[in-house]
């Protein structure tokens, strides 16, 4: 038997793909037709992703869980309109699949549970298992209504040994450069371990100062957060400078989960709500939309700061005919001792 396998399964009547590493007893499930969301990551049978409302709530109302893609912006925007590259966009929920936070701010882009993805293929061998999917953003008027920059997205999820890699490529297909401000939102958890006992490592150097809505003020502060038990700490923080080796870690109960920021991801949002729903994060800022009562911590790879489409701060652009790629990795291990 090969060390890796690709398994087909159905969830809510949708075709899904499970990548399997037999040697490490690791399984990663992705649903291409439901936003290419990573809906499960299990190690020795234990679920490592915060499920919240699960795939059903994600499909029905865009309530995030698992490992969702946030595109064409991650986190929040401070306004319902913006202008870039000579084009103005209005974020009208009557015209585009826009979601809003409790303050009425657009949040997490427009691809939650998008049915517009098509699977490109899947393969398995001794060294890895892979599934890839594509979305032609420019082919859908309701998407262009709020982000008028034609492009294509490709996402490839690869499981090799104890590591899940997610590679995202944006290719500009029109006659205008495309701003890059996407991110991912992995909800990580340790089954059978109390939140207070989760050991967390954050390789960060500076934090953005946010207003009461969670929007950057333009100022930052230096930070040094030693690895320690999560305890009662809560986070909803944007970190603008990461360490030399940006590997965020969650450990406890005989498992260690490392999330490594690879090429393309220079910023991180860390989200760990405390208390019962509804929750608020450190400093009294509103938490993410639809916060649920189960415990999780999110290390979110971001290509641009919160509110970049409105502020223009930290934006990169992909020229017509060119591409931009970004990658992050999740490694699951069982440390000895």
C-alpha atoms as a PDB file:
ATOM      1  CA  UNK A   1       0.000   0.000   0.000  1.00  0.00           C
ATOM      2  CA  UNK A   2       1.214   3.519  -0.825  1.00  0.00           C
ATOM      3  CA  UNK A   3       1.947   5.740   2.139  1.00  0.00           C
ATOM      4  CA  UNK A   4      -0.591   8.298   0.867  1.00  0.00           C
ATOM      5  CA  UNK A   5      -4.101   7.962  -0.503  1.00  0.00           C
ATOM      6  CA  UNK A   6      -6.917  10.114  -1.884  1.00  0.00           C
ATOM      7  CA  UNK A   7     -10.397   9.115  -0.744  1.00  0.00           C
ATOM      8  CA  UNK A   8     -13.706  10.369  -2.116  1.00  0.00           C
ATOM      9  CA  UNK A   9     -16.539  11.006   0.319  1.00  0.00           C
ATOM     10  CA  UNK A  10     -19.812  12.899   0.391  1.00  0.00           C
ATOM     11  CA  UNK A  11     -20.802  15.547   2.908  1.00  0.00           C
ATOM     12  CA  UNK A  12     -24.272  17.143   2.710  1.00  0.00           C
ATOM     13  CA  UNK A  13     -24.649  15.603  -0.729  1.00  0.00           C
ATOM     14  CA  UNK A  14     -21.469  17.279  -2.028  1.00  0.00           C
ATOM     15  CA  UNK A  15     -18.424  15.533  -3.424  1.00  0.00           C
ATOM     16  CA  UNK A  16     -15.441  15.965  -1.112  1.00  0.00           C
ATOM     17  CA  UNK A  17     -11.842  14.798  -1.154  1.00  0.00           C
ATOM     18  CA  UNK A  18      -9.875  13.370   1.779  1.00  0.00           C
ATOM     19  CA  UNK A  19      -6.080  13.294   1.667  1.00  0.00           C
ATOM     20  CA  UNK A  20      -4.622  10.490   3.780  1.00  0.00           C
ATOM     21  CA  UNK A  21      -1.151   9.966   5.235  1.00  0.00           C
ATOM     22  CA  UNK A  22      -1.194   6.382   6.502  1.00  0.00           C
ATOM     23  CA  UNK A  23       2.223   6.563   8.158  1.00  0.00           C
ATOM     24  CA  UNK A  24       1.185   9.504  10.351  1.00  0.00           C
ATOM     25  CA  UNK A  25      -2.509   8.613  10.717  1.00  0.00           C
ATOM     26  CA  UNK A  26      -3.373  12.062   9.362  1.00  0.00           C
ATOM     27  CA  UNK A  27      -6.414  12.907   7.206  1.00  0.00           C
ATOM     28  CA  UNK A  28      -7.328  16.262   5.602  1.00  0.00           C
ATOM     29  CA  UNK A  29     -10.751  16.802   4.025  1.00  0.00           C
ATOM     30  CA  UNK A  30     -11.542  19.501   1.437  1.00  0.00           C
ATOM     31  CA  UNK A  31     -14.847  20.419  -0.215  1.00  0.00           C
ATOM     32  CA  UNK A  32     -14.132  22.033  -3.616  1.00  0.00           C
ATOM     33  CA  UNK A  33     -17.802  22.755  -4.345  1.00  0.00           C
ATOM     34  CA  UNK A  34     -18.287  24.449  -0.952  1.00  0.00           C
ATOM     35  CA  UNK A  35     -15.682  27.192  -1.221  1.00  0.00           C
ATOM     36  CA  UNK A  36     -12.718  24.773  -1.327  1.00  0.00           C
ATOM     37  CA  UNK A  37     -12.913  24.819   2.467  1.00  0.00           C
ATOM     38  CA  UNK A  38     -10.774  22.499   4.540  1.00  0.00           C
ATOM     39  CA  UNK A  39     -13.537  20.933   6.630  1.00  0.00           C
ATOM     40  CA  UNK A  40     -11.567  18.380   8.637  1.00  0.00           C
ATOM     41  CA  UNK A  41      -8.037  17.608   9.797  1.00  0.00           C
ATOM     42  CA  UNK A  42      -7.788  14.536  11.983  1.00  0.00           C
ATOM     43  CA  UNK A  43      -4.794  13.002  13.729  1.00  0.00           C
ATOM     44  CA  UNK A  44      -5.196   9.521  15.205  1.00  0.00           C
ATOM     45  CA  UNK A  45      -8.947  10.054  14.926  1.00  0.00           C
ATOM     46  CA  UNK A  46      -8.997  13.357  16.823  1.00  0.00           C
ATOM     47  CA  UNK A  47     -10.405  16.435  15.056  1.00  0.00           C
ATOM     48  CA  UNK A  48      -7.913  19.333  15.032  1.00  0.00           C
ATOM     49  CA  UNK A  49     -10.154  21.951  13.399  1.00  0.00           C
ATOM     50  CA  UNK A  50     -12.750  24.057  15.193  1.00  0.00           C
ATOM     51  CA  UNK A  51     -16.078  22.963  13.733  1.00  0.00           C
ATOM     52  CA  UNK A  52     -18.440  25.628  15.116  1.00  0.00           C
ATOM     53  CA  UNK A  53     -21.521  25.146  12.897  1.00  0.00           C
ATOM     54  CA  UNK A  54     -19.637  22.860  10.523  1.00  0.00           C
ATOM     55  CA  UNK A  55     -20.076  22.514   6.799  1.00  0.00           C
ATOM     56  CA  UNK A  56     -23.849  22.969   7.001  1.00  0.00           C
ATOM     57  CA  UNK A  57     -23.665  26.431   8.615  1.00  0.00           C
ATOM     58  CA  UNK A  58     -20.849  27.421   6.270  1.00  0.00           C
ATOM     59  CA  UNK A  59     -22.893  26.458   3.210  1.00  0.00           C
ATOM     60  CA  UNK A  60     -26.150  27.960   4.461  1.00  0.00           C
ATOM     61  CA  UNK A  61     -24.992  31.298   5.897  1.00  0.00           C
ATOM     62  CA  UNK A  62     -21.224  31.586   5.464  1.00  0.00           C
ATOM     63  CA  UNK A  63     -20.445  30.970   9.150  1.00  0.00           C
ATOM     64  CA  UNK A  64     -16.748  30.157   8.992  1.00  0.00           C
ATOM     65  CA  UNK A  65     -15.077  27.027  10.392  1.00  0.00           C
ATOM     66  CA  UNK A  66     -12.275  24.621   9.548  1.00  0.00           C
ATOM     67  CA  UNK A  67      -9.832  26.197   7.073  1.00  0.00           C
ATOM     68  CA  UNK A  68     -11.727  28.739   4.933  1.00  0.00           C
ATOM     69  CA  UNK A  69     -10.287  31.058   2.285  1.00  0.00           C
ATOM     70  CA  UNK A  70     -10.921  34.784   2.840  1.00  0.00           C
ATOM     71  CA  UNK A  71     -10.953  36.553  -0.531  1.00  0.00           C
ATOM     72  CA  UNK A  72     -10.765  39.166  -2.001  1.00  0.00           C
ATOM     73  CA  UNK A  73     -10.045  40.595   1.441  1.00  0.00           C
ATOM     74  CA  UNK A  74      -9.264  39.086   4.833  1.00  0.00           C
ATOM     75  CA  UNK A  75     -10.725  40.414   8.071  1.00  0.00           C
ATOM     76  CA  UNK A  76     -12.667  43.693   7.867  1.00  0.00           C
ATOM     77  CA  UNK A  77     -13.023  46.752   5.659  1.00  0.00           C
ATOM     78  CA  UNK A  78     -13.787  50.123   7.232  1.00  0.00           C
ATOM     79  CA  UNK A  79     -16.272  51.177   4.537  1.00  0.00           C
ATOM     80  CA  UNK A  80     -18.765  49.752   2.057  1.00  0.00           C
ATOM     81  CA  UNK A  81     -16.987  51.277  -0.925  1.00  0.00           C
ATOM     82  CA  UNK A  82     -13.432  51.775  -2.141  1.00  0.00           C
ATOM     83  CA  UNK A  83     -11.523  52.967  -5.225  1.00  0.00           C
ATOM     84  CA  UNK A  84      -8.412  51.334  -6.699  1.00  0.00           C
ATOM     85  CA  UNK A  85      -6.748  51.291 -10.115  1.00  0.00           C
ATOM     86  CA  UNK A  86      -9.291  53.791 -11.390  1.00  0.00           C
ATOM     87  CA  UNK A  87     -12.224  51.538 -10.482  1.00  0.00           C
ATOM     88  CA  UNK A  88     -14.794  52.128  -7.788  1.00  0.00           C
ATOM     89  CA  UNK A  89     -16.525  49.290  -5.991  1.00  0.00           C
ATOM     90  CA  UNK A  90     -19.740  49.398  -3.969  1.00  0.00           C
ATOM     91  CA  UNK A  91     -20.277  46.568  -1.512  1.00  0.00           C
ATOM     92  CA  UNK A  92     -24.027  46.178  -1.882  1.00  0.00           C
ATOM     93  CA  UNK A  93     -25.432  42.939  -0.425  1.00  0.00           C
ATOM     94  CA  UNK A  94     -28.224  43.087  -3.003  1.00  0.00           C
ATOM     95  CA  UNK A  95     -25.640  42.731  -5.771  1.00  0.00           C
ATOM     96  CA  UNK A  96     -22.800  40.758  -4.211  1.00  0.00           C
ATOM     97  CA  UNK A  97     -22.449  37.986  -1.566  1.00  0.00           C
ATOM     98  CA  UNK A  98     -21.049  40.325   1.079  1.00  0.00           C
ATOM     99  CA  UNK A  99     -21.087  39.470   4.800  1.00  0.00           C
ATOM    100  CA  UNK A 100     -20.983  42.017   7.624  1.00  0.00           C
ATOM    101  CA  UNK A 101     -19.717  42.010  11.209  1.00  0.00           C
ATOM    102  CA  UNK A 102     -21.785  43.301  14.172  1.00  0.00           C
ATOM    103  CA  UNK A 103     -20.617  46.853  13.399  1.00  0.00           C
ATOM    104  CA  UNK A 104     -21.903  46.606   9.839  1.00  0.00           C
ATOM    105  CA  UNK A 105     -18.423  46.337   8.327  1.00  0.00           C
ATOM    106  CA  UNK A 106     -17.732  44.028   5.372  1.00  0.00           C
ATOM    107  CA  UNK A 107     -15.857  40.971   6.608  1.00  0.00           C
ATOM    108  CA  UNK A 108     -13.942  38.013   5.155  1.00  0.00           C
ATOM    109  CA  UNK A 109     -14.522  38.647   1.452  1.00  0.00           C
ATOM    110  CA  UNK A 110     -17.131  37.015  -0.768  1.00  0.00           C
ATOM    111  CA  UNK A 111     -16.147  33.413  -1.353  1.00  0.00           C
ATOM    112  CA  UNK A 112     -17.606  31.773   1.754  1.00  0.00           C
ATOM    113  CA  UNK A 113     -19.063  28.446   0.554  1.00  0.00           C
ATOM    114  CA  UNK A 114     -18.810  29.617  -3.060  1.00  0.00           C
ATOM    115  CA  UNK A 115     -20.152  26.976  -5.472  1.00  0.00           C
ATOM    116  CA  UNK A 116     -18.078  28.347  -8.363  1.00  0.00           C
ATOM    117  CA  UNK A 117     -14.985  26.227  -7.755  1.00  0.00           C
ATOM    118  CA  UNK A 118     -14.210  23.309 -10.054  1.00  0.00           C
ATOM    119  CA  UNK A 119     -11.870  20.490  -9.108  1.00  0.00           C
ATOM    120  CA  UNK A 120      -8.778  20.353 -11.325  1.00  0.00           C
ATOM    121  CA  UNK A 121      -7.648  16.929 -10.231  1.00  0.00           C
ATOM    122  CA  UNK A 122      -6.386  14.739  -7.443  1.00  0.00           C
ATOM    123  CA  UNK A 123      -3.473  12.354  -7.173  1.00  0.00           C
ATOM    124  CA  UNK A 124      -1.769  10.153  -4.624  1.00  0.00           C
ATOM    125  CA  UNK A 125       1.525   8.335  -4.450  1.00  0.00           C
ATOM    126  CA  UNK A 126       4.143   7.186  -2.035  1.00  0.00           C
ATOM    127  CA  UNK A 127       5.331  10.709  -1.254  1.00  0.00           C
ATOM    128  CA  UNK A 128       2.124  12.790  -1.185  1.00  0.00           C
ATOM    129  CA  UNK A 129      -1.605  13.190  -1.814  1.00  0.00           C
ATOM    130  CA  UNK A 130      -2.944  16.295  -3.603  1.00  0.00           C
ATOM    131  CA  UNK A 131      -6.239  17.898  -4.583  1.00  0.00           C
ATOM    132  CA  UNK A 132      -6.479  21.125  -6.608  1.00  0.00           C
ATOM    133  CA  UNK A 133      -9.365  23.400  -7.539  1.00  0.00           C
ATOM    134  CA  UNK A 134      -9.885  26.520  -9.650  1.00  0.00           C
ATOM    135  CA  UNK A 135     -12.259  29.488  -9.574  1.00  0.00           C
ATOM    136  CA  UNK A 136     -12.699  31.898 -12.501  1.00  0.00           C
ATOM    137  CA  UNK A 137     -13.598  35.000 -10.500  1.00  0.00           C
ATOM    138  CA  UNK A 138     -14.009  37.151 -13.599  1.00  0.00           C
ATOM    139  CA  UNK A 139     -16.777  34.918 -14.947  1.00  0.00           C
ATOM    140  CA  UNK A 140     -19.253  35.904 -12.220  1.00  0.00           C
ATOM    141  CA  UNK A 141     -20.924  39.312 -12.281  1.00  0.00           C
ATOM    142  CA  UNK A 142     -22.004  39.182  -8.634  1.00  0.00           C
ATOM    143  CA  UNK A 143     -18.360  38.813  -7.601  1.00  0.00           C
ATOM    144  CA  UNK A 144     -17.072  41.513  -9.933  1.00  0.00           C
ATOM    145  CA  UNK A 145     -19.731  43.888  -8.584  1.00  0.00           C
ATOM    146  CA  UNK A 146     -17.771  44.291  -5.331  1.00  0.00           C
ATOM    147  CA  UNK A 147     -14.251  43.527  -6.609  1.00  0.00           C
ATOM    148  CA  UNK A 148     -14.026  44.611 -10.286  1.00  0.00           C
ATOM    149  CA  UNK A 149     -10.691  42.969 -11.060  1.00  0.00           C
ATOM    150  CA  UNK A 150     -10.905  39.870 -13.295  1.00  0.00           C
ATOM    151  CA  UNK A 151      -8.668  37.026 -12.158  1.00  0.00           C
ATOM    152  CA  UNK A 152      -8.496  33.302 -11.533  1.00  0.00           C
ATOM    153  CA  UNK A 153      -7.682  31.488  -8.313  1.00  0.00           C
ATOM    154  CA  UNK A 154      -6.108  28.074  -7.960  1.00  0.00           C
ATOM    155  CA  UNK A 155      -5.759  26.290  -4.645  1.00  0.00           C
ATOM    156  CA  UNK A 156      -3.709  23.136  -4.235  1.00  0.00           C
ATOM    157  CA  UNK A 157      -3.837  21.206  -0.952  1.00  0.00           C
ATOM    158  CA  UNK A 158      -1.029  18.699  -0.477  1.00  0.00           C
ATOM    159  CA  UNK A 159      -0.532  16.223   2.346  1.00  0.00           C
ATOM    160  CA  UNK A 160       3.020  14.877   2.573  1.00  0.00           C
ATOM    161  CA  UNK A 161       3.895  12.872   5.662  1.00  0.00           C
ATOM    162  CA  UNK A 162       2.964  14.921   8.722  1.00  0.00           C
ATOM    163  CA  UNK A 163       2.484  18.226   6.843  1.00  0.00           C
ATOM    164  CA  UNK A 164      -0.494  19.769   5.053  1.00  0.00           C
ATOM    165  CA  UNK A 165       0.480  22.522   2.589  1.00  0.00           C
ATOM    166  CA  UNK A 166      -2.013  24.936   1.031  1.00  0.00           C
ATOM    167  CA  UNK A 167      -0.832  26.890  -2.012  1.00  0.00           C
ATOM    168  CA  UNK A 168      -2.958  29.728  -3.420  1.00  0.00           C
ATOM    169  CA  UNK A 169      -2.252  31.308  -6.821  1.00  0.00           C
ATOM    170  CA  UNK A 170      -3.947  34.442  -8.141  1.00  0.00           C
ATOM    171  CA  UNK A 171      -3.598  35.113 -11.886  1.00  0.00           C
ATOM    172  CA  UNK A 172      -4.706  38.440 -13.379  1.00  0.00           C
ATOM    173  CA  UNK A 173      -6.819  37.679 -16.451  1.00  0.00           C
ATOM    174  CA  UNK A 174      -8.113  41.139 -17.403  1.00  0.00           C
ATOM    175  CA  UNK A 175      -6.587  44.422 -18.518  1.00  0.00           C
ATOM    176  CA  UNK A 176      -6.177  45.844 -15.015  1.00  0.00           C
ATOM    177  CA  UNK A 177      -3.807  44.954 -12.168  1.00  0.00           C
ATOM    178  CA  UNK A 178      -5.408  42.982  -9.340  1.00  0.00           C
ATOM    179  CA  UNK A 179      -4.905  44.006  -5.676  1.00  0.00           C
ATOM    180  CA  UNK A 180      -3.836  41.166  -3.380  1.00  0.00           C
ATOM    181  CA  UNK A 181      -5.374  41.076   0.100  1.00  0.00           C
ATOM    182  CA  UNK A 182      -6.547  37.489   0.632  1.00  0.00           C
ATOM    183  CA  UNK A 183      -5.881  35.256   3.617  1.00  0.00           C
ATOM    184  CA  UNK A 184      -6.856  31.981   5.260  1.00  0.00           C
ATOM    185  CA  UNK A 185      -8.517  31.411   8.620  1.00  0.00           C
ATOM    186  CA  UNK A 186      -7.499  28.041  10.140  1.00  0.00           C
ATOM    187  CA  UNK A 187      -9.493  27.244  13.291  1.00  0.00           C
ATOM    188  CA  UNK A 188      -7.188  25.006  15.338  1.00  0.00           C
ATOM    189  CA  UNK A 189      -8.087  22.960  18.395  1.00  0.00           C
ATOM    190  CA  UNK A 190      -6.692  20.238  20.652  1.00  0.00           C
ATOM    191  CA  UNK A 191      -9.258  17.491  21.278  1.00  0.00           C
ATOM    192  CA  UNK A 192      -9.556  16.354  24.868  1.00  0.00           C
ATOM    193  CA  UNK A 193      -7.417  19.190  26.249  1.00  0.00           C
ATOM    194  CA  UNK A 194      -8.811  22.099  28.249  1.00  0.00           C
ATOM    195  CA  UNK A 195      -8.226  25.491  26.632  1.00  0.00           C
ATOM    196  CA  UNK A 196      -6.398  26.689  29.755  1.00  0.00           C
ATOM    197  CA  UNK A 197      -3.771  23.993  29.138  1.00  0.00           C
ATOM    198  CA  UNK A 198      -3.072  24.841  25.497  1.00  0.00           C
ATOM    199  CA  UNK A 199       0.554  25.940  25.058  1.00  0.00           C
ATOM    200  CA  UNK A 200       0.784  28.677  22.420  1.00  0.00           C
ATOM    201  CA  UNK A 201       3.813  30.133  20.620  1.00  0.00           C
ATOM    202  CA  UNK A 202       3.496  33.397  18.673  1.00  0.00           C
ATOM    203  CA  UNK A 203       6.615  34.461  16.682  1.00  0.00           C
ATOM    204  CA  UNK A 204       5.649  38.143  16.442  1.00  0.00           C
ATOM    205  CA  UNK A 205       7.480  41.451  16.766  1.00  0.00           C
ATOM    206  CA  UNK A 206       4.991  44.276  16.177  1.00  0.00           C
ATOM    207  CA  UNK A 207       1.236  44.620  16.624  1.00  0.00           C
ATOM    208  CA  UNK A 208      -1.083  47.067  14.893  1.00  0.00           C
ATOM    209  CA  UNK A 209      -3.034  49.402  17.141  1.00  0.00           C
ATOM    210  CA  UNK A 210      -6.721  49.047  16.296  1.00  0.00           C
ATOM    211  CA  UNK A 211      -9.738  51.231  16.847  1.00  0.00           C
ATOM    212  CA  UNK A 212     -12.891  50.035  18.594  1.00  0.00           C
ATOM    213  CA  UNK A 213     -14.070  48.406  15.328  1.00  0.00           C
ATOM    214  CA  UNK A 214     -10.900  46.370  14.854  1.00  0.00           C
ATOM    215  CA  UNK A 215      -9.571  48.661  12.079  1.00  0.00           C
ATOM    216  CA  UNK A 216      -5.853  49.617  12.094  1.00  0.00           C
ATOM    217  CA  UNK A 217      -5.155  53.196  13.172  1.00  0.00           C
ATOM    218  CA  UNK A 218      -1.850  53.353  11.285  1.00  0.00           C
ATOM    219  CA  UNK A 219       0.243  52.975  14.426  1.00  0.00           C
ATOM    220  CA  UNK A 220       2.049  49.898  15.726  1.00  0.00           C
ATOM    221  CA  UNK A 221       3.737  48.813  18.928  1.00  0.00           C
ATOM    222  CA  UNK A 222       6.573  46.353  19.618  1.00  0.00           C
ATOM    223  CA  UNK A 223       5.571  43.087  21.258  1.00  0.00           C
ATOM    224  CA  UNK A 224       7.330  40.078  22.710  1.00  0.00           C
ATOM    225  CA  UNK A 225       4.967  37.253  23.637  1.00  0.00           C
ATOM    226  CA  UNK A 226       6.776  34.297  25.247  1.00  0.00           C
ATOM    227  CA  UNK A 227       5.436  30.821  24.653  1.00  0.00           C
ATOM    228  CA  UNK A 228       3.012  29.984  27.448  1.00  0.00           C
ATOM    229  CA  UNK A 229      -0.321  28.425  28.305  1.00  0.00           C
ATOM    230  CA  UNK A 230      -3.224  30.178  26.605  1.00  0.00           C
ATOM    231  CA  UNK A 231      -5.081  30.245  29.917  1.00  0.00           C
ATOM    232  CA  UNK A 232      -7.649  33.046  30.018  1.00  0.00           C
ATOM    233  CA  UNK A 233      -5.893  35.157  27.400  1.00  0.00           C
ATOM    234  CA  UNK A 234      -7.913  36.260  24.381  1.00  0.00           C
ATOM    235  CA  UNK A 235      -6.737  37.586  21.042  1.00  0.00           C
ATOM    236  CA  UNK A 236      -8.140  39.465  18.077  1.00  0.00           C
ATOM    237  CA  UNK A 237      -4.858  41.047  17.021  1.00  0.00           C
ATOM    238  CA  UNK A 238      -3.103  41.967  13.789  1.00  0.00           C
ATOM    239  CA  UNK A 239       0.647  41.373  13.885  1.00  0.00           C
ATOM    240  CA  UNK A 240       2.503  43.384  11.263  1.00  0.00           C
ATOM    241  CA  UNK A 241       6.026  42.034  11.705  1.00  0.00           C
ATOM    242  CA  UNK A 242       6.773  38.383  12.281  1.00  0.00           C
ATOM    243  CA  UNK A 243       9.863  36.600  13.533  1.00  0.00           C
ATOM    244  CA  UNK A 244      12.615  35.264  11.308  1.00  0.00           C
ATOM    245  CA  UNK A 245      11.050  31.811  11.403  1.00  0.00           C
ATOM    246  CA  UNK A 246       7.302  32.478  11.415  1.00  0.00           C
ATOM    247  CA  UNK A 247       6.018  29.215  12.865  1.00  0.00           C
ATOM    248  CA  UNK A 248       2.998  29.577  15.141  1.00  0.00           C
ATOM    249  CA  UNK A 249       2.403  26.622  17.430  1.00  0.00           C
ATOM    250  CA  UNK A 250      -0.315  25.030  19.538  1.00  0.00           C
ATOM    251  CA  UNK A 251       0.636  22.127  21.810  1.00  0.00           C
ATOM    252  CA  UNK A 252      -1.007  19.946  24.447  1.00  0.00           C
ATOM    253  CA  UNK A 253      -2.308  16.472  25.163  1.00  0.00           C
ATOM    254  CA  UNK A 254       0.549  14.778  23.325  1.00  0.00           C
ATOM    255  CA  UNK A 255       0.091  16.749  20.099  1.00  0.00           C
ATOM    256  CA  UNK A 256       1.837  19.727  18.553  1.00  0.00           C
ATOM    257  CA  UNK A 257       0.356  21.717  15.662  1.00  0.00           C
ATOM    258  CA  UNK A 258       2.688  24.095  13.840  1.00  0.00           C
ATOM    259  CA  UNK A 259       1.453  26.612  11.279  1.00  0.00           C
ATOM    260  CA  UNK A 260       4.296  27.954   9.163  1.00  0.00           C
ATOM    261  CA  UNK A 261       3.900  31.126   7.124  1.00  0.00           C
ATOM    262  CA  UNK A 262       5.602  30.593   3.766  1.00  0.00           C
ATOM    263  CA  UNK A 263       6.055  32.781   0.725  1.00  0.00           C
ATOM    264  CA  UNK A 264       3.508  35.552   0.267  1.00  0.00           C
ATOM    265  CA  UNK A 265       2.288  35.787   3.870  1.00  0.00           C
ATOM    266  CA  UNK A 266       3.909  38.617   5.798  1.00  0.00           C
ATOM    267  CA  UNK A 267       1.206  39.405   8.361  1.00  0.00           C
ATOM    268  CA  UNK A 268      -0.830  37.411  10.853  1.00  0.00           C
ATOM    269  CA  UNK A 269      -4.162  37.825  12.569  1.00  0.00           C
ATOM    270  CA  UNK A 270      -4.428  35.795  15.764  1.00  0.00           C
ATOM    271  CA  UNK A 271      -7.934  35.145  17.024  1.00  0.00           C
ATOM    272  CA  UNK A 272      -8.727  33.284  20.242  1.00  0.00           C
ATOM    273  CA  UNK A 273     -12.032  34.294  21.825  1.00  0.00           C
ATOM    274  CA  UNK A 274     -12.713  33.724  25.502  1.00  0.00           C
ATOM    275  CA  UNK A 275     -15.910  32.988  27.386  1.00  0.00           C
ATOM    276  CA  UNK A 276     -19.290  31.997  26.057  1.00  0.00           C
ATOM    277  CA  UNK A 277     -20.846  33.303  22.854  1.00  0.00           C
ATOM    278  CA  UNK A 278     -21.177  36.134  22.081  1.00  0.00           C
ATOM    279  CA  UNK A 279     -17.502  36.765  22.688  1.00  0.00           C
ATOM    280  CA  UNK A 280     -15.224  39.750  22.634  1.00  0.00           C
ATOM    281  CA  UNK A 281     -11.482  39.838  22.265  1.00  0.00           C
ATOM    282  CA  UNK A 282      -8.765  41.650  24.194  1.00  0.00           C
ATOM    283  CA  UNK A 283      -9.486  45.352  24.512  1.00  0.00           C
ATOM    284  CA  UNK A 284     -13.233  44.967  24.159  1.00  0.00           C
ATOM    285  CA  UNK A 285     -13.249  44.882  20.352  1.00  0.00           C
ATOM    286  CA  UNK A 286     -16.053  42.895  18.755  1.00  0.00           C
ATOM    287  CA  UNK A 287     -15.105  39.324  17.950  1.00  0.00           C
ATOM    288  CA  UNK A 288     -15.507  37.649  14.566  1.00  0.00           C
ATOM    289  CA  UNK A 289     -18.926  37.019  13.120  1.00  0.00           C
ATOM    290  CA  UNK A 290     -21.008  34.159  14.555  1.00  0.00           C
ATOM    291  CA  UNK A 291     -18.570  33.214  17.324  1.00  0.00           C
ATOM    292  CA  UNK A 292     -19.495  29.832  18.787  1.00  0.00           C
ATOM    293  CA  UNK A 293     -18.955  28.255  22.181  1.00  0.00           C
ATOM    294  CA  UNK A 294     -16.373  25.644  21.195  1.00  0.00           C
ATOM    295  CA  UNK A 295     -12.717  26.448  21.841  1.00  0.00           C
ATOM    296  CA  UNK A 296     -10.195  27.207  19.118  1.00  0.00           C
ATOM    297  CA  UNK A 297      -7.325  29.513  18.233  1.00  0.00           C
ATOM    298  CA  UNK A 298      -6.736  30.900  14.751  1.00  0.00           C
ATOM    299  CA  UNK A 299      -3.339  31.705  13.258  1.00  0.00           C
ATOM    300  CA  UNK A 300      -4.398  33.510  10.103  1.00  0.00           C
ATOM    301  CA  UNK A 301      -1.923  33.991   7.215  1.00  0.00           C
ATOM    302  CA  UNK A 302      -2.603  37.320   5.487  1.00  0.00           C
ATOM    303  CA  UNK A 303      -1.147  38.865   2.329  1.00  0.00           C
ATOM    304  CA  UNK A 304      -2.114  42.436   3.302  1.00  0.00           C
ATOM    305  CA  UNK A 305      -3.239  44.291   6.425  1.00  0.00           C
ATOM    306  CA  UNK A 306      -6.830  44.581   7.560  1.00  0.00           C
ATOM    307  CA  UNK A 307      -8.662  47.291   5.548  1.00  0.00           C
ATOM    308  CA  UNK A 308      -6.019  47.374   2.792  1.00  0.00           C
ATOM    309  CA  UNK A 309      -8.568  47.741  -0.035  1.00  0.00           C
ATOM    310  CA  UNK A 310      -9.845  50.947   1.558  1.00  0.00           C
ATOM    311  CA  UNK A 311      -6.647  52.375   3.046  1.00  0.00           C
ATOM    312  CA  UNK A 312      -4.267  51.198   0.327  1.00  0.00           C
ATOM    313  CA  UNK A 313      -1.731  50.327   3.029  1.00  0.00           C
ATOM    314  CA  UNK A 314       0.506  47.362   2.277  1.00  0.00           C
ATOM    315  CA  UNK A 315      -1.259  46.369  -0.946  1.00  0.00           C
ATOM    316  CA  UNK A 316       0.519  44.438  -3.676  1.00  0.00           C
ATOM    317  CA  UNK A 317      -0.774  44.214  -7.243  1.00  0.00           C
ATOM    318  CA  UNK A 318      -0.623  41.507  -9.891  1.00  0.00           C
ATOM    319  CA  UNK A 319      -0.106  42.905 -13.391  1.00  0.00           C
ATOM    320  CA  UNK A 320      -2.244  41.644 -16.286  1.00  0.00           C
ATOM    321  CA  UNK A 321      -0.994  38.243 -17.390  1.00  0.00           C
ATOM    322  CA  UNK A 322       1.063  37.730 -14.211  1.00  0.00           C
ATOM    323  CA  UNK A 323       0.497  35.592 -11.123  1.00  0.00           C
ATOM    324  CA  UNK A 324       1.050  35.730  -7.369  1.00  0.00           C
ATOM    325  CA  UNK A 325       1.372  32.680  -5.106  1.00  0.00           C
ATOM    326  CA  UNK A 326       1.337  32.225  -1.343  1.00  0.00           C
ATOM    327  CA  UNK A 327       1.756  29.102   0.778  1.00  0.00           C
ATOM    328  CA  UNK A 328       1.275  28.030   4.368  1.00  0.00           C
ATOM    329  CA  UNK A 329       1.891  24.680   6.032  1.00  0.00           C
ATOM    330  CA  UNK A 330       0.346  22.861   8.992  1.00  0.00           C
ATOM    331  CA  UNK A 331       2.517  20.213  10.603  1.00  0.00           C
ATOM    332  CA  UNK A 332       1.087  17.772  13.137  1.00  0.00           C
ATOM    333  CA  UNK A 333       3.364  15.796  15.413  1.00  0.00           C
ATOM    334  CA  UNK A 334       3.411  13.896  18.679  1.00  0.00           C
ATOM    335  CA  UNK A 335       6.423  15.192  20.656  1.00  0.00           C
ATOM    336  CA  UNK A 336       8.104  12.712  22.935  1.00  0.00           C
ATOM    337  CA  UNK A 337       8.344  13.430  26.641  1.00  0.00           C
END
